[in-house]
Amino acid sequence: MTNPNQTLVVQTSQMSKFYRTGFWLNQKIESLKNCSLKVFKGETFGLLGPNGAGKTTLLKLLLGIVRPTSGSGWLLEKPLGDSSVKARIGYLPENAYFYDYLSGWEFLQLMAGLFQIPARVQRQRLPQLLELVGLSKSDAQKKQLRQYSKGMLQRIGMAQALINDPEVVFLDEPMSGLD
């Protein structure tokens, strides 16, 4: 039983997403149907299901990447798509894109810069994140991302998702490729 005083961080109500496909866009594909859920602050919530069940679609809806066909949702007590929430969340997509020519350290500095994290804070935070995800600072500073294994890329992606000390973290297929 949940405490009624707990803060809701994610809530959806009868949320659905349909895509149109085909030459004339006359075919409707149901990606997510009538999803209602509540996630409270401090909870760990996982989505399990077969391929095509709508897990990634739900994440994209919650992040405001796509809009629901019907229903509604809130993230950190704001309607889905509210841009003020973006600085308060972390996200690691299933197929993350990395700048191959950057070192892991440079990549994390770039991501920290996007969140306007001061350099003095970065000097403390980056080594902590690397340790947290099981990567060495020396490897992160010396090796370009194109030299990383799939597991190392997944780890640097997790560090990136945590760089802004988010209130909510979304990880899509977080165990994929971990060694």
Protein backbone atom coordinates (compact mmCIF):
# COMPACT_ATOMS: atom_id res chain seq x y z
CA MET A 1 0.00 0.00 0.00
CA THR A 2 1.36 3.41 -0.92
CA ASN A 3 1.43 6.37 1.42
CA PRO A 4 -1.10 9.03 0.31
CA ASN A 5 1.47 11.71 1.21
CA GLN A 6 4.00 10.38 -1.29
CA THR A 7 4.81 12.50 -4.33
CA LEU A 8 3.76 11.13 -7.71
CA VAL A 9 6.62 11.36 -10.19
CA VAL A 10 4.93 9.54 -13.08
CA GLN A 11 1.24 9.14 -13.75
CA THR A 12 -0.67 8.08 -16.84
CA SER A 13 -4.39 7.73 -17.33
CA GLN A 14 -5.79 5.58 -20.15
CA MET A 15 -2.89 6.59 -22.41
CA SER A 16 -2.82 5.09 -25.90
CA LYS A 17 -0.66 5.55 -28.97
CA PHE A 18 -1.62 4.55 -32.49
CA TYR A 19 0.50 4.98 -35.61
CA ARG A 20 -0.77 5.13 -39.16
CA THR A 21 1.11 3.16 -41.78
CA GLY A 22 0.76 1.95 -45.33
CA PHE A 23 0.95 3.83 -48.62
CA TRP A 24 -2.25 5.79 -47.94
CA LEU A 25 -1.71 5.79 -44.16
CA ASN A 26 -4.91 3.78 -43.95
CA GLN A 27 -3.63 1.11 -41.57
CA LYS A 28 -3.61 1.75 -37.84
CA ILE A 29 -1.00 0.09 -35.61
CA GLU A 30 -1.74 0.05 -31.91
CA SER A 31 1.52 0.58 -30.05
CA LEU A 32 0.13 1.20 -26.55
CA LYS A 33 -3.44 0.77 -25.34
CA ASN A 34 -5.10 2.33 -22.29
CA CYS A 35 -2.02 2.43 -20.07
CA SER A 36 -2.69 3.72 -16.57
CA LEU A 37 0.05 3.72 -13.96
CA LYS A 38 1.41 5.60 -10.98
CA VAL A 39 5.02 5.73 -9.83
CA PHE A 40 5.88 7.46 -6.56
CA LYS A 41 9.09 9.20 -5.52
CA GLY A 42 11.68 6.69 -4.31
CA GLU A 43 10.16 3.72 -6.15
CA THR A 44 11.99 1.63 -8.70
CA PHE A 45 9.62 0.70 -11.50
CA GLY A 46 10.40 -1.70 -14.34
CA LEU A 47 8.51 -2.51 -17.50
CA LEU A 48 8.70 -6.12 -18.63
CA GLY A 49 7.15 -7.53 -21.75
CA PRO A 50 7.82 -9.07 -25.14
CA ASN A 51 9.09 -7.14 -28.15
CA GLY A 52 6.38 -4.86 -29.47
CA ALA A 53 4.54 -4.63 -26.15
CA GLY A 54 4.89 -0.83 -26.04
CA LYS A 55 7.64 -0.40 -23.44
CA THR A 56 9.75 1.99 -25.53
CA THR A 57 6.63 3.76 -26.78
CA LEU A 58 5.60 4.43 -23.18
CA LEU A 59 9.03 5.87 -22.39
CA LYS A 60 8.88 8.12 -25.47
CA LEU A 61 5.42 9.31 -24.41
CA LEU A 62 6.61 10.05 -20.87
CA LEU A 63 9.62 11.95 -22.19
CA GLY A 64 7.52 14.02 -24.59
CA ILE A 65 9.29 12.60 -27.66
CA VAL A 66 5.92 11.52 -29.08
CA ARG A 67 2.41 12.58 -28.12
CA PRO A 68 -0.34 10.23 -27.00
CA THR A 69 -3.23 9.54 -29.35
CA SER A 70 -5.53 9.53 -26.34
CA GLY A 71 -5.33 9.72 -22.58
CA SER A 72 -3.08 11.88 -20.47
CA GLY A 73 0.02 11.78 -18.36
CA TRP A 74 2.16 13.75 -15.94
CA LEU A 75 5.84 13.71 -15.17
CA LEU A 76 7.05 15.40 -11.98
CA GLU A 77 3.57 16.90 -11.58
CA LYS A 78 3.71 18.60 -15.00
CA PRO A 79 1.79 17.58 -18.14
CA LEU A 80 3.76 15.37 -20.53
CA GLY A 81 5.86 17.44 -22.91
CA ASP A 82 6.39 20.32 -20.46
CA SER A 83 9.92 21.51 -21.25
CA SER A 84 10.63 22.62 -17.66
CA VAL A 85 10.89 18.94 -16.68
CA LYS A 86 13.76 18.12 -19.04
CA ALA A 87 16.48 19.43 -16.72
CA ARG A 88 15.13 17.22 -13.93
CA ILE A 89 15.25 13.85 -15.70
CA GLY A 90 17.88 11.46 -17.03
CA TYR A 91 17.45 9.22 -20.07
CA LEU A 92 19.40 6.42 -21.70
CA PRO A 93 17.75 5.27 -24.95
CA GLU A 94 17.94 1.70 -26.18
CA ASN A 95 20.22 2.72 -29.06
CA ALA A 96 22.17 5.70 -27.78
CA TYR A 97 24.28 7.79 -30.14
CA PHE A 98 27.82 8.59 -29.08
CA TYR A 99 30.37 10.90 -30.70
CA ASP A 100 33.00 8.33 -31.66
CA TYR A 101 35.90 10.78 -31.86
CA LEU A 102 35.44 11.99 -28.26
CA SER A 103 36.88 10.28 -25.22
CA GLY A 104 34.40 9.13 -22.60
CA TRP A 105 35.56 12.00 -20.39
CA GLU A 106 35.03 14.57 -23.17
CA PHE A 107 31.59 13.13 -23.89
CA LEU A 108 30.57 13.48 -20.24
CA GLN A 109 31.96 17.03 -20.18
CA LEU A 110 29.87 17.83 -23.26
CA MET A 111 26.73 16.41 -21.65
CA ALA A 112 27.46 18.29 -18.40
CA GLY A 113 27.86 21.47 -20.43
CA LEU A 114 24.41 20.99 -21.94
CA PHE A 115 23.04 21.07 -18.38
CA GLN A 116 25.23 24.11 -17.60
CA ILE A 117 27.04 22.24 -14.84
CA PRO A 118 30.03 24.38 -13.76
CA ALA A 119 33.54 23.03 -14.46
CA ARG A 120 34.39 22.84 -10.74
CA VAL A 121 31.32 20.64 -10.16
CA GLN A 122 32.21 18.53 -13.20
CA ARG A 123 35.68 17.86 -11.77
CA GLN A 124 34.04 16.25 -8.73
CA ARG A 125 31.00 14.67 -10.37
CA LEU A 126 32.57 12.95 -13.39
CA PRO A 127 34.99 10.72 -11.41
CA GLN A 128 32.13 9.79 -9.04
CA LEU A 129 29.89 8.79 -11.97
CA LEU A 130 32.64 6.78 -13.64
CA GLU A 131 33.26 4.89 -10.41
CA LEU A 132 29.52 4.34 -9.97
CA VAL A 133 29.19 2.73 -13.43
CA GLY A 134 32.44 0.76 -13.17
CA LEU A 135 34.70 2.66 -15.58
CA SER A 136 38.18 3.94 -14.83
CA LYS A 137 38.95 7.64 -15.07
CA SER A 138 42.17 6.95 -17.00
CA ASP A 139 40.35 4.87 -19.65
CA ALA A 140 37.64 7.51 -19.92
CA GLN A 141 40.23 10.23 -20.46
CA LYS A 142 42.44 8.32 -22.92
CA LYS A 143 40.17 6.09 -25.02
CA GLN A 144 37.94 7.40 -27.77
CA LEU A 145 34.38 6.12 -27.63
CA ARG A 146 34.89 4.20 -30.88
CA GLN A 147 37.36 2.01 -28.95
CA TYR A 148 34.80 1.14 -26.26
CA SER A 149 33.10 -2.25 -26.10
CA LYS A 150 29.29 -2.36 -26.19
CA GLY A 151 29.29 -2.81 -22.42
CA MET A 152 31.58 0.18 -21.87
CA LEU A 153 29.34 2.32 -24.09
CA GLN A 154 26.33 1.24 -22.06
CA ARG A 155 28.15 2.24 -18.88
CA ILE A 156 29.16 5.66 -20.21
CA GLY A 157 25.53 6.07 -21.33
CA MET A 158 24.36 5.35 -17.79
CA ALA A 159 26.82 7.95 -16.45
CA GLN A 160 25.41 10.42 -18.99
CA ALA A 161 21.86 9.70 -17.82
CA LEU A 162 22.91 10.53 -14.24
CA ILE A 163 25.09 13.56 -14.98
CA ASN A 164 22.52 16.17 -13.93
CA ASP A 165 21.60 14.36 -10.68
CA PRO A 166 18.08 13.74 -12.01
CA GLU A 167 14.94 13.27 -9.96
CA VAL A 168 13.71 10.56 -12.35
CA VAL A 169 15.83 8.30 -14.57
CA PHE A 170 14.52 6.43 -17.62
CA LEU A 171 16.64 3.54 -18.91
CA ASP A 172 15.51 1.70 -22.04
CA GLU A 173 17.09 -1.78 -22.19
CA PRO A 174 19.75 -0.83 -19.61
CA MET A 175 21.30 -4.31 -19.38
CA SER A 176 21.78 -4.68 -23.14
CA GLY A 177 25.42 -5.38 -23.91
CA LEU A 178 26.75 -5.05 -20.36
CA ASP A 179 29.79 -7.24 -19.74
